[in-house]
C-alpha atoms as a PDB file:
ATOM      1  CA  MET A   1     -12.658 -36.796  17.039  1.00  0.00           C
ATOM      2  CA  ARG A   2      -9.906 -36.257  14.551  1.00  0.00           C
ATOM      3  CA  VAL A   3     -10.086 -33.011  12.608  1.00  0.00           C
ATOM      4  CA  LEU A   4     -10.306 -33.551   8.888  1.00  0.00           C
ATOM      5  CA  ARG A   5      -7.599 -32.061   6.715  1.00  0.00           C
ATOM      6  CA  PRO A   6      -8.495 -28.952   4.736  1.00  0.00           C
ATOM      7  CA  ILE A   7      -8.776 -29.287   0.982  1.00  0.00           C
ATOM      8  CA  THR A   8      -5.622 -27.771  -0.438  1.00  0.00           C
ATOM      9  CA  ILE A   9      -5.823 -28.816  -4.053  1.00  0.00           C
ATOM     10  CA  SER A  10      -8.406 -28.126  -6.710  1.00  0.00           C
ATOM     11  CA  LEU A  11     -10.320 -30.689  -8.694  1.00  0.00           C
ATOM     12  CA  ALA A  12      -8.669 -29.462 -11.859  1.00  0.00           C
ATOM     13  CA  ILE A  13      -5.203 -30.042 -10.435  1.00  0.00           C
ATOM     14  CA  THR A  14      -6.261 -33.458  -9.196  1.00  0.00           C
ATOM     15  CA  CYS A  15      -7.463 -34.501 -12.622  1.00  0.00           C
ATOM     16  CA  PHE A  16      -4.316 -33.078 -14.220  1.00  0.00           C
ATOM     17  CA  ALA A  17      -2.207 -35.155 -11.841  1.00  0.00           C
ATOM     18  CA  ALA A  18      -4.182 -38.244 -12.783  1.00  0.00           C
ATOM     19  CA  THR A  19      -3.730 -37.462 -16.466  1.00  0.00           C
ATOM     20  CA  ALA A  20       0.005 -37.034 -16.018  1.00  0.00           C
ATOM     21  CA  ALA A  21       0.207 -40.291 -14.098  1.00  0.00           C
ATOM     22  CA  LEU A  22      -1.581 -42.092 -16.919  1.00  0.00           C
ATOM     23  CA  ALA A  23       0.989 -40.853 -19.391  1.00  0.00           C
ATOM     24  CA  VAL A  24       3.830 -42.498 -17.479  1.00  0.00           C
ATOM     25  CA  THR A  25       2.005 -45.639 -16.346  1.00  0.00           C
ATOM     26  CA  PRO A  26       4.179 -48.637 -17.235  1.00  0.00           C
ATOM     27  CA  PRO A  27       2.747 -51.431 -19.396  1.00  0.00           C
ATOM     28  CA  SER A  28       0.394 -53.803 -17.633  1.00  0.00           C
ATOM     29  CA  GLY A  29       0.311 -57.547 -18.000  1.00  0.00           C
ATOM     30  CA  THR A  30      -2.383 -59.415 -19.891  1.00  0.00           C
ATOM     31  CA  ALA A  31      -4.486 -61.953 -18.037  1.00  0.00           C
ATOM     32  CA  SER A  32      -2.341 -64.727 -19.494  1.00  0.00           C
ATOM     33  CA  GLN A  33       0.903 -62.993 -18.555  1.00  0.00           C
ATOM     34  CA  VAL A  34      -0.235 -62.377 -14.988  1.00  0.00           C
ATOM     35  CA  ALA A  35      -1.446 -65.959 -14.584  1.00  0.00           C
ATOM     36  CA  THR A  36       1.823 -67.352 -15.937  1.00  0.00           C
ATOM     37  CA  ALA A  37       3.925 -65.067 -13.749  1.00  0.00           C
ATOM     38  CA  VAL A  38       2.002 -66.100 -10.637  1.00  0.00           C
ATOM     39  CA  ALA A  39       2.185 -69.791 -11.531  1.00  0.00           C
ATOM     40  CA  ASN A  40       5.964 -69.517 -11.930  1.00  0.00           C
ATOM     41  CA  SER A  41       6.523 -67.335  -8.863  1.00  0.00           C
ATOM     42  CA  PRO A  42       7.261 -70.210  -6.414  1.00  0.00           C
ATOM     43  CA  LYS A  43      10.104 -71.253  -8.705  1.00  0.00           C
ATOM     44  CA  ILE A  44      11.933 -67.944  -8.304  1.00  0.00           C
ATOM     45  CA  LEU A  45      15.023 -68.553  -6.190  1.00  0.00           C
ATOM     46  CA  LYS A  46      17.199 -65.521  -6.913  1.00  0.00           C
ATOM     47  CA  VAL A  47      16.201 -61.885  -7.258  1.00  0.00           C
ATOM     48  CA  SER A  48      16.446 -60.458 -10.752  1.00  0.00           C
ATOM     49  CA  PRO A  49      18.398 -57.244 -11.476  1.00  0.00           C
ATOM     50  CA  LYS A  50      15.099 -55.322 -11.619  1.00  0.00           C
ATOM     51  CA  VAL A  51      13.968 -56.654  -8.250  1.00  0.00           C
ATOM     52  CA  LEU A  52      17.408 -56.003  -6.763  1.00  0.00           C
ATOM     53  CA  ALA A  53      17.180 -52.381  -7.862  1.00  0.00           C
ATOM     54  CA  ALA A  54      13.699 -52.045  -6.372  1.00  0.00           C
ATOM     55  CA  ILE A  55      14.513 -53.470  -2.942  1.00  0.00           C
ATOM     56  CA  PRO A  56      15.993 -50.300  -1.320  1.00  0.00           C
ATOM     57  CA  ASN A  57      12.835 -48.256  -1.968  1.00  0.00           C
ATOM     58  CA  SER A  58      10.283 -51.060  -1.811  1.00  0.00           C
ATOM     59  CA  SER A  59       8.739 -49.888   1.468  1.00  0.00           C
ATOM     60  CA  GLN A  60       7.933 -46.534  -0.179  1.00  0.00           C
ATOM     61  CA  ASP A  61       6.284 -48.101  -3.225  1.00  0.00           C
ATOM     62  CA  THR A  62       2.858 -46.979  -2.033  1.00  0.00           C
ATOM     63  CA  VAL A  63      -0.057 -45.172  -3.636  1.00  0.00           C
ATOM     64  CA  ALA A  64       1.325 -41.915  -2.201  1.00  0.00           C
ATOM     65  CA  ARG A  65       4.368 -42.255  -4.463  1.00  0.00           C
ATOM     66  CA  ILE A  66       2.126 -41.720  -7.487  1.00  0.00           C
ATOM     67  CA  TYR A  67      -0.798 -39.799  -5.956  1.00  0.00           C
ATOM     68  CA  PRO A  68       0.460 -37.776  -2.962  1.00  0.00           C
ATOM     69  CA  ILE A  69      -2.996 -36.257  -2.436  1.00  0.00           C
ATOM     70  CA  SER A  70      -4.239 -39.689  -1.458  1.00  0.00           C
ATOM     71  CA  SER A  71      -1.661 -40.216   1.278  1.00  0.00           C
ATOM     72  CA  ASN A  72      -2.334 -40.824   4.980  1.00  0.00           C
ATOM     73  CA  PRO A  73      -4.533 -40.444   6.818  1.00  0.00           C
ATOM     74  CA  GLY A  74      -6.885 -40.544   3.873  1.00  0.00           C
ATOM     75  CA  CYS A  75      -9.489 -38.813   1.711  1.00  0.00           C
ATOM     76  CA  ASP A  76     -12.417 -37.841   3.923  1.00  0.00           C
ATOM     77  CA  THR A  77     -14.587 -35.781   1.583  1.00  0.00           C
ATOM     78  CA  ALA A  78     -16.201 -36.355  -1.797  1.00  0.00           C
ATOM     79  CA  THR A  79     -14.126 -33.600  -3.417  1.00  0.00           C
ATOM     80  CA  GLN A  80     -10.666 -34.170  -1.965  1.00  0.00           C
ATOM     81  CA  CYS A  81      -9.525 -37.088  -4.144  1.00  0.00           C
ATOM     82  CA  VAL A  82     -11.209 -37.100  -7.543  1.00  0.00           C
ATOM     83  CA  PHE A  83      -9.687 -38.759 -10.601  1.00  0.00           C
ATOM     84  CA  GLY A  84     -10.619 -39.606 -14.155  1.00  0.00           C
ATOM     85  CA  SER A  85     -13.130 -37.570 -16.144  1.00  0.00           C
ATOM     86  CA  ALA A  86     -14.398 -34.892 -13.779  1.00  0.00           C
ATOM     87  CA  ASN A  87     -17.444 -34.011 -15.895  1.00  0.00           C
ATOM     88  CA  SER A  88     -18.520 -37.583 -16.603  1.00  0.00           C
ATOM     89  CA  LYS A  89     -22.084 -38.614 -15.800  1.00  0.00           C
ATOM     90  CA  THR A  90     -20.715 -41.977 -14.635  1.00  0.00           C
ATOM     91  CA  THR A  91     -19.400 -41.921 -11.069  1.00  0.00           C
ATOM     92  CA  VAL A  92     -17.479 -44.652  -9.285  1.00  0.00           C
ATOM     93  CA  VAL A  93     -16.582 -44.436  -5.599  1.00  0.00           C
ATOM     94  CA  LEU A  94     -13.614 -46.336  -4.169  1.00  0.00           C
ATOM     95  CA  PHE A  95     -14.444 -46.711  -0.473  1.00  0.00           C
ATOM     96  CA  GLY A  96     -12.699 -48.233   2.520  1.00  0.00           C
ATOM     97  CA  ASP A  97      -9.338 -48.164   4.249  1.00  0.00           C
ATOM     98  CA  SER A  98      -5.834 -48.389   2.803  1.00  0.00           C
ATOM     99  CA  HIS A  99      -6.754 -51.786   1.363  1.00  0.00           C
ATOM    100  CA  ALA A 100      -9.133 -49.870  -0.894  1.00  0.00           C
ATOM    101  CA  SER A 101      -6.825 -46.988  -1.815  1.00  0.00           C
ATOM    102  CA  GLN A 102      -4.054 -49.438  -2.761  1.00  0.00           C
ATOM    103  CA  TRP A 103      -5.925 -50.111  -6.034  1.00  0.00           C
ATOM    104  CA  LEU A 104      -5.762 -46.468  -7.135  1.00  0.00           C
ATOM    105  CA  PRO A 105      -2.590 -46.841  -9.279  1.00  0.00           C
ATOM    106  CA  ALA A 106      -4.670 -49.055 -11.581  1.00  0.00           C
ATOM    107  CA  LEU A 107      -8.108 -47.496 -11.131  1.00  0.00           C
ATOM    108  CA  ALA A 108      -7.113 -43.872 -11.806  1.00  0.00           C
ATOM    109  CA  PRO A 109      -5.785 -44.587 -15.329  1.00  0.00           C
ATOM    110  CA  ILE A 110      -8.706 -46.957 -15.892  1.00  0.00           C
ATOM    111  CA  ALA A 111     -11.086 -44.098 -15.021  1.00  0.00           C
ATOM    112  CA  LEU A 112      -9.402 -41.827 -17.532  1.00  0.00           C
ATOM    113  CA  ALA A 113      -9.331 -44.415 -20.281  1.00  0.00           C
ATOM    114  CA  ASN A 114     -13.001 -45.307 -19.765  1.00  0.00           C
ATOM    115  CA  HIS A 115     -14.229 -41.756 -19.160  1.00  0.00           C
ATOM    116  CA  PHE A 116     -15.737 -42.088 -15.704  1.00  0.00           C
ATOM    117  CA  LYS A 117     -15.265 -40.013 -12.569  1.00  0.00           C
ATOM    118  CA  LEU A 118     -13.515 -41.832  -9.732  1.00  0.00           C
ATOM    119  CA  ILE A 119     -14.033 -40.502  -6.206  1.00  0.00           C
ATOM    120  CA  VAL A 120     -11.812 -42.002  -3.524  1.00  0.00           C
ATOM    121  CA  ILE A 121     -13.083 -41.976   0.057  1.00  0.00           C
ATOM    122  CA  TRP A 122     -10.831 -43.774   2.489  1.00  0.00           C
ATOM    123  CA  HIS A 123      -9.224 -43.428   5.899  1.00  0.00           C
ATOM    124  CA  ALA A 124      -6.333 -45.326   7.421  1.00  0.00           C
ATOM    125  CA  SER A 125      -7.436 -48.339   9.482  1.00  0.00           C
ATOM    126  CA  CYS A 126     -11.142 -47.480   9.212  1.00  0.00           C
ATOM    127  CA  HIS A 127     -13.172 -50.611   8.639  1.00  0.00           C
ATOM    128  CA  ILE A 128     -16.170 -50.745   6.301  1.00  0.00           C
ATOM    129  CA  ALA A 129     -17.907 -53.707   7.928  1.00  0.00           C
ATOM    130  CA  GLU A 130     -20.353 -52.391  10.510  1.00  0.00           C
ATOM    131  CA  VAL A 131     -18.680 -53.890  13.573  1.00  0.00           C
ATOM    132  CA  ASN A 132     -17.616 -52.173  16.774  1.00  0.00           C
ATOM    133  CA  VAL A 133     -13.831 -52.233  16.477  1.00  0.00           C
ATOM    134  CA  GLN A 134     -12.053 -51.604  19.775  1.00  0.00           C
ATOM    135  CA  TYR A 135      -8.738 -53.397  19.362  1.00  0.00           C
ATOM    136  CA  GLU A 136      -5.944 -53.505  16.846  1.00  0.00           C
ATOM    137  CA  PRO A 137      -2.559 -55.018  17.744  1.00  0.00           C
ATOM    138  CA  LEU A 138      -0.873 -52.868  15.079  1.00  0.00           C
ATOM    139  CA  GLY A 139      -1.177 -49.830  17.331  1.00  0.00           C
ATOM    140  CA  PHE A 140      -4.048 -47.814  15.864  1.00  0.00           C
ATOM    141  CA  GLN A 141      -6.225 -46.507  18.683  1.00  0.00           C
ATOM    142  CA  ASP A 142      -8.677 -43.972  17.212  1.00  0.00           C
ATOM    143  CA  PHE A 143     -11.566 -46.418  17.140  1.00  0.00           C
ATOM    144  CA  ASP A 144     -14.302 -43.926  18.016  1.00  0.00           C
ATOM    145  CA  PHE A 145     -13.316 -41.875  14.985  1.00  0.00           C
ATOM    146  CA  CYS A 146     -13.618 -44.852  12.632  1.00  0.00           C
ATOM    147  CA  ASN A 147     -16.851 -46.088  14.180  1.00  0.00           C
ATOM    148  CA  THR A 148     -18.319 -42.617  13.551  1.00  0.00           C
ATOM    149  CA  TRP A 149     -16.603 -42.156  10.198  1.00  0.00           C
ATOM    150  CA  LEU A 150     -18.295 -45.182   8.631  1.00  0.00           C
ATOM    151  CA  PRO A 151     -21.960 -44.037   8.809  1.00  0.00           C
ATOM    152  CA  GLN A 152     -20.930 -40.487   7.899  1.00  0.00           C
ATOM    153  CA  GLN A 153     -19.221 -41.657   4.735  1.00  0.00           C
ATOM    154  CA  ILE A 154     -22.045 -44.017   3.811  1.00  0.00           C
ATOM    155  CA  ALA A 155     -24.344 -40.981   3.937  1.00  0.00           C
ATOM    156  CA  THR A 156     -21.867 -38.998   1.823  1.00  0.00           C
ATOM    157  CA  ILE A 157     -21.785 -41.725  -0.803  1.00  0.00           C
ATOM    158  CA  ALA A 158     -25.572 -41.996  -0.838  1.00  0.00           C
ATOM    159  CA  ASN A 159     -25.791 -38.288  -1.666  1.00  0.00           C
ATOM    160  CA  LEU A 160     -23.488 -38.813  -4.649  1.00  0.00           C
ATOM    161  CA  HIS A 161     -25.819 -41.375  -6.259  1.00  0.00           C
ATOM    162  CA  PRO A 162     -22.841 -43.188  -7.834  1.00  0.00           C
ATOM    163  CA  ASN A 163     -23.170 -45.835 -10.499  1.00  0.00           C
ATOM    164  CA  LEU A 164     -20.754 -48.118  -8.673  1.00  0.00           C
ATOM    165  CA  VAL A 165     -19.138 -48.376  -5.240  1.00  0.00           C
ATOM    166  CA  LEU A 166     -15.940 -50.420  -5.006  1.00  0.00           C
ATOM    167  CA  LEU A 167     -15.116 -51.602  -1.495  1.00  0.00           C
ATOM    168  CA  GLY A 168     -11.779 -52.605  -0.002  1.00  0.00           C
ATOM    169  CA  GLU A 169     -10.805 -53.375   3.567  1.00  0.00           C
ATOM    170  CA  ARG A 170      -8.334 -55.027   5.890  1.00  0.00           C
ATOM    171  CA  THR A 171      -9.981 -57.946   7.639  1.00  0.00           C
ATOM    172  CA  ALA A 172      -7.020 -59.257   9.666  1.00  0.00           C
ATOM    173  CA  LEU A 173      -5.703 -58.053  13.033  1.00  0.00           C
ATOM    174  CA  ILE A 174      -8.902 -56.302  14.111  1.00  0.00           C
ATOM    175  CA  GLY A 175     -10.799 -57.130  17.284  1.00  0.00           C
ATOM    176  CA  ASP A 176     -13.494 -56.254  19.794  1.00  0.00           C
ATOM    177  CA  ALA A 177     -13.346 -54.693  23.248  1.00  0.00           C
ATOM    178  CA  ASN A 178     -12.192 -58.016  24.704  1.00  0.00           C
ATOM    179  CA  GLN A 179      -9.253 -58.039  22.272  1.00  0.00           C
ATOM    180  CA  HIS A 180     -10.734 -61.019  20.474  1.00  0.00           C
ATOM    181  CA  SER A 181     -10.768 -61.276  16.707  1.00  0.00           C
ATOM    182  CA  PHE A 182     -14.184 -60.919  15.157  1.00  0.00           C
ATOM    183  CA  SER A 183     -15.812 -64.143  14.105  1.00  0.00           C
ATOM    184  CA  SER A 184     -16.441 -64.826  10.463  1.00  0.00           C
ATOM    185  CA  ALA A 185     -20.173 -64.549  11.130  1.00  0.00           C
ATOM    186  CA  ALA A 186     -19.816 -61.146  12.795  1.00  0.00           C
ATOM    187  CA  TRP A 187     -17.715 -59.813   9.936  1.00  0.00           C
ATOM    188  CA  HIS A 188     -20.152 -61.208   7.396  1.00  0.00           C
ATOM    189  CA  ASP A 189     -23.125 -59.560   9.111  1.00  0.00           C
ATOM    190  CA  GLY A 190     -21.326 -56.241   9.478  1.00  0.00           C
ATOM    191  CA  LEU A 191     -20.379 -56.199   5.831  1.00  0.00           C
ATOM    192  CA  VAL A 192     -23.905 -57.172   4.769  1.00  0.00           C
ATOM    193  CA  SER A 193     -25.190 -54.190   6.748  1.00  0.00           C
ATOM    194  CA  THR A 194     -22.831 -51.785   4.983  1.00  0.00           C
ATOM    195  CA  ILE A 195     -23.503 -53.191   1.517  1.00  0.00           C
ATOM    196  CA  THR A 196     -27.250 -53.032   2.096  1.00  0.00           C
ATOM    197  CA  ARG A 197     -27.014 -49.350   3.010  1.00  0.00           C
ATOM    198  CA  LEU A 198     -24.939 -48.550  -0.082  1.00  0.00           C
ATOM    199  CA  LYS A 199     -26.907 -50.468  -2.721  1.00  0.00           C
ATOM    200  CA  THR A 200     -29.824 -48.840  -4.502  1.00  0.00           C
ATOM    201  CA  ALA A 201     -31.727 -49.419  -7.699  1.00  0.00           C
ATOM    202  CA  THR A 202     -29.108 -47.343  -9.515  1.00  0.00           C
ATOM    203  CA  THR A 203     -25.959 -48.008  -7.427  1.00  0.00           C
ATOM    204  CA  ARG A 204     -24.114 -51.288  -7.791  1.00  0.00           C
ATOM    205  CA  VAL A 205     -21.583 -52.481  -5.212  1.00  0.00           C
ATOM    206  CA  ALA A 206     -18.512 -54.656  -5.660  1.00  0.00           C
ATOM    207  CA  ILE A 207     -15.841 -55.681  -3.187  1.00  0.00           C
ATOM    208  CA  PHE A 208     -12.163 -56.399  -3.721  1.00  0.00           C
ATOM    209  CA  GLU A 209     -11.075 -59.501  -1.840  1.00  0.00           C
ATOM    210  CA  ASP A 210      -8.720 -58.651   1.012  1.00  0.00           C
ATOM    211  CA  LEU A 211      -5.124 -59.719   0.440  1.00  0.00           C
ATOM    212  CA  ILE A 212      -3.566 -62.611   2.327  1.00  0.00           C
ATOM    213  CA  TRP A 213      -1.548 -61.123   5.194  1.00  0.00           C
ATOM    214  CA  GLY A 214       2.161 -61.846   4.879  1.00  0.00           C
ATOM    215  CA  ASN A 215       4.511 -62.830   7.669  1.00  0.00           C
ATOM    216  CA  VAL A 216       7.408 -60.593   6.606  1.00  0.00           C
ATOM    217  CA  ARG A 217       8.088 -57.204   5.057  1.00  0.00           C
ATOM    218  CA  PRO A 218       9.030 -58.304   1.540  1.00  0.00           C
ATOM    219  CA  GLY A 219      11.741 -55.764   0.759  1.00  0.00           C
ATOM    220  CA  GLN A 220      13.480 -56.236   4.076  1.00  0.00           C
ATOM    221  CA  CYS A 221      13.287 -60.018   3.809  1.00  0.00           C
ATOM    222  CA  LEU A 222      14.494 -60.086   0.209  1.00  0.00           C
ATOM    223  CA  SER A 223      17.480 -57.892   1.055  1.00  0.00           C
ATOM    224  CA  MET A 224      18.673 -60.653   3.385  1.00  0.00           C
ATOM    225  CA  ASN A 225      17.714 -63.532   1.079  1.00  0.00           C
ATOM    226  CA  LEU A 226      18.857 -62.532  -2.393  1.00  0.00           C
ATOM    227  CA  ASN A 227      19.419 -66.159  -3.344  1.00  0.00           C
ATOM    228  CA  LYS A 228      16.571 -67.607  -1.270  1.00  0.00           C
ATOM    229  CA  VAL A 229      13.532 -65.683  -2.462  1.00  0.00           C
ATOM    230  CA  GLN A 230      11.063 -68.307  -1.265  1.00  0.00           C
ATOM    231  CA  SER A 231      12.237 -67.735   2.300  1.00  0.00           C
ATOM    232  CA  CYS A 232      10.108 -64.602   2.061  1.00  0.00           C
ATOM    233  CA  ALA A 233       6.974 -66.376   0.810  1.00  0.00           C
ATOM    234  CA  THR A 234       3.766 -66.871   2.804  1.00  0.00           C
ATOM    235  CA  SER A 235       1.458 -69.864   2.783  1.00  0.00           C
ATOM    236  CA  TYR A 236      -1.718 -69.225   0.793  1.00  0.00           C
ATOM    237  CA  THR A 237      -3.765 -70.153   3.850  1.00  0.00           C
ATOM    238  CA  ASN A 238      -1.642 -68.252   6.350  1.00  0.00           C
ATOM    239  CA  PRO A 239      -2.312 -69.892   9.748  1.00  0.00           C
ATOM    240  CA  THR A 240      -0.390 -67.171  11.589  1.00  0.00           C
ATOM    241  CA  VAL A 241      -2.578 -64.192  10.650  1.00  0.00           C
ATOM    242  CA  THR A 242      -5.975 -65.065   9.249  1.00  0.00           C
ATOM    243  CA  GLY A 243      -8.409 -62.725   7.534  1.00  0.00           C
ATOM    244  CA  HIS A 244     -12.086 -62.731   6.659  1.00  0.00           C
ATOM    245  CA  GLN A 245     -11.888 -63.327   2.927  1.00  0.00           C
ATOM    246  CA  LEU A 246     -14.531 -66.055   3.150  1.00  0.00           C
ATOM    247  CA  ALA A 247     -16.861 -63.749   5.081  1.00  0.00           C
ATOM    248  CA  GLU A 248     -16.404 -61.145   2.338  1.00  0.00           C
ATOM    249  CA  LYS A 249     -17.240 -63.664  -0.358  1.00  0.00           C
ATOM    250  CA  ASN A 250     -20.302 -64.908   1.509  1.00  0.00           C
ATOM    251  CA  ALA A 251     -21.511 -61.376   2.250  1.00  0.00           C
ATOM    252  CA  ALA A 252     -21.240 -60.564  -1.437  1.00  0.00           C
ATOM    253  CA  ARG A 253     -23.179 -63.719  -2.318  1.00  0.00           C
ATOM    254  CA  ASP A 254     -25.915 -63.008   0.222  1.00  0.00           C
ATOM    255  CA  THR A 255     -26.418 -59.432  -0.999  1.00  0.00           C
ATOM    256  CA  ASN A 256     -26.120 -60.183  -4.714  1.00  0.00           C
ATOM    257  CA  THR A 257     -22.963 -58.106  -4.772  1.00  0.00           C
ATOM    258  CA  ILE A 258     -20.001 -58.571  -7.098  1.00  0.00           C
ATOM    259  CA  PHE A 259     -16.994 -60.209  -5.420  1.00  0.00           C
ATOM    260  CA  ILE A 260     -13.684 -59.448  -7.134  1.00  0.00           C
ATOM    261  CA  PRO A 261     -11.156 -62.160  -6.225  1.00  0.00           C
ATOM    262  CA  THR A 262      -7.585 -60.911  -5.886  1.00  0.00           C
ATOM    263  CA  HIS A 263      -5.723 -63.934  -4.524  1.00  0.00           C
ATOM    264  CA  GLN A 264      -5.020 -65.274  -8.016  1.00  0.00           C
ATOM    265  CA  TRP A 265      -2.989 -62.146  -8.805  1.00  0.00           C
ATOM    266  CA  PHE A 266      -0.630 -62.785  -5.887  1.00  0.00           C
ATOM    267  CA  CYS A 267      -0.712 -66.462  -4.965  1.00  0.00           C
ATOM    268  CA  THR A 268      -0.844 -69.981  -6.266  1.00  0.00           C
ATOM    269  CA  THR A 269      -3.087 -72.422  -4.401  1.00  0.00           C
ATOM    270  CA  LYS A 270      -0.192 -73.023  -2.000  1.00  0.00           C
ATOM    271  CA  THR A 271       2.182 -70.060  -1.990  1.00  0.00           C
ATOM    272  CA  CYS A 272       2.163 -66.274  -2.017  1.00  0.00           C
ATOM    273  CA  SER A 273       5.639 -65.383  -3.242  1.00  0.00           C
ATOM    274  CA  ALA A 274       7.159 -62.021  -2.396  1.00  0.00           C
ATOM    275  CA  VAL A 275       8.159 -61.722  -6.064  1.00  0.00           C
ATOM    276  CA  VAL A 276       5.972 -62.260  -9.125  1.00  0.00           C
ATOM    277  CA  GLY A 277       7.762 -61.792 -12.410  1.00  0.00           C
ATOM    278  CA  ASP A 278      10.028 -58.803 -11.859  1.00  0.00           C
ATOM    279  CA  TYR A 279       7.816 -57.199  -9.218  1.00  0.00           C
ATOM    280  CA  ILE A 280       7.878 -57.120  -5.434  1.00  0.00           C
ATOM    281  CA  THR A 281       4.153 -57.635  -4.917  1.00  0.00           C
ATOM    282  CA  LYS A 282       3.746 -55.832  -1.575  1.00  0.00           C
ATOM    283  CA  PHE A 283       5.385 -52.896   0.186  1.00  0.00           C
ATOM    284  CA  ASP A 284       4.599 -54.390   3.612  1.00  0.00           C
ATOM    285  CA  GLN A 285       2.800 -57.427   4.988  1.00  0.00           C
ATOM    286  CA  GLY A 286      -0.682 -56.389   3.926  1.00  0.00           C
ATOM    287  CA  HIS A 287      -0.608 -53.904   1.056  1.00  0.00           C
ATOM    288  CA  ALA A 288       0.049 -54.351  -2.639  1.00  0.00           C
ATOM    289  CA  SER A 289       2.925 -52.310  -4.025  1.00  0.00           C
ATOM    290  CA  ALA A 290       1.956 -49.468  -6.351  1.00  0.00           C
ATOM    291  CA  SER A 291       4.220 -50.835  -9.087  1.00  0.00           C
ATOM    292  CA  TYR A 292       2.559 -54.238  -9.012  1.00  0.00           C
ATOM    293  CA  VAL A 293      -0.929 -52.719  -8.993  1.00  0.00           C
ATOM    294  CA  GLN A 294       0.042 -50.797 -12.127  1.00  0.00           C
ATOM    295  CA  TYR A 295       1.111 -54.090 -13.685  1.00  0.00           C
ATOM    296  CA  LEU A 296      -2.331 -55.488 -12.785  1.00  0.00           C
ATOM    297  CA  LYS A 297      -4.221 -52.664 -14.531  1.00  0.00           C
ATOM    298  CA  THR A 298      -5.516 -54.796 -17.403  1.00  0.00           C
ATOM    299  CA  VAL A 299      -6.901 -57.579 -15.224  1.00  0.00           C
ATOM    300  CA  ILE A 300      -8.435 -55.052 -12.831  1.00  0.00           C
ATOM    301  CA  GLN A 301     -10.054 -53.252 -15.739  1.00  0.00           C
ATOM    302  CA  THR A 302     -11.467 -56.559 -16.967  1.00  0.00           C
ATOM    303  CA  ALA A 303     -13.084 -57.026 -13.546  1.00  0.00           C
ATOM    304  CA  VAL A 304     -14.418 -53.484 -13.186  1.00  0.00           C
ATOM    305  CA  LYS A 305     -15.472 -52.328 -16.658  1.00  0.00           C
ATOM    306  CA  PRO A 306     -18.490 -54.667 -17.012  1.00  0.00           C
ATOM    307  CA  LEU A 307     -19.904 -53.194 -13.781  1.00  0.00           C
ATOM    308  CA  LEU A 308     -20.267 -49.684 -15.207  1.00  0.00           C
END
């Protein structure tokens, strides 16, 4: 089993870092601005000067750029990655893999502005659906760690008695011992099991919809297609790499859990452009860029605040 990293930073420093980050957070778009930018994104043919400037460092536009403490392989304790108002009686846990931690550039300033404590518990490539993962074509092999990590962290969260648990996960490119992708039904049932163990009379659960997996690394593709931006787009229903977004939605429905759609922040009903407005939306095929998540702060806050 992988040895967890020692805690090398105090809660006070963590909260100070979050406060400092809030002070420099760029303006976020309104719901109308985000919707308009997404609707117009398939029409973008040439990169703007802002996008051109962002391309060289786009693959490093991750959550670690803003919150280094939350970098790989993750936050494995309830005290390692704490943001917002440390003494608040309202506690929110962000739980999952890197598809959960990617929302931190919006959620940390939201926690500060709304005076709640945000605890981030995540680990790279560790699923939150209770399924026996044994295969991942991306190269991750420490399956026994993740299969043990999940129940341990569920127990940790239960001991926190949080007001809200926000879930995020990668649902694509994960398989069983026979190297077969999990069925939608299996993913649904595994997620229902996890949600059921997290929910209590005083703990609500919500899940961020997994992002559509892209076929290219946006920055790399854009660098070679400065005047053909849509060459780097992905179909909204990507037939090449499918995920379990529908299973997530159905699991939320069947457990009376809040489902937070995310596709409308990245895609039209046909196209997921690599560029929305002046932002490169992802730093790789599957993760939102930290800059774009900051831009989405207002719409994310609109989704989360009523749950507190």
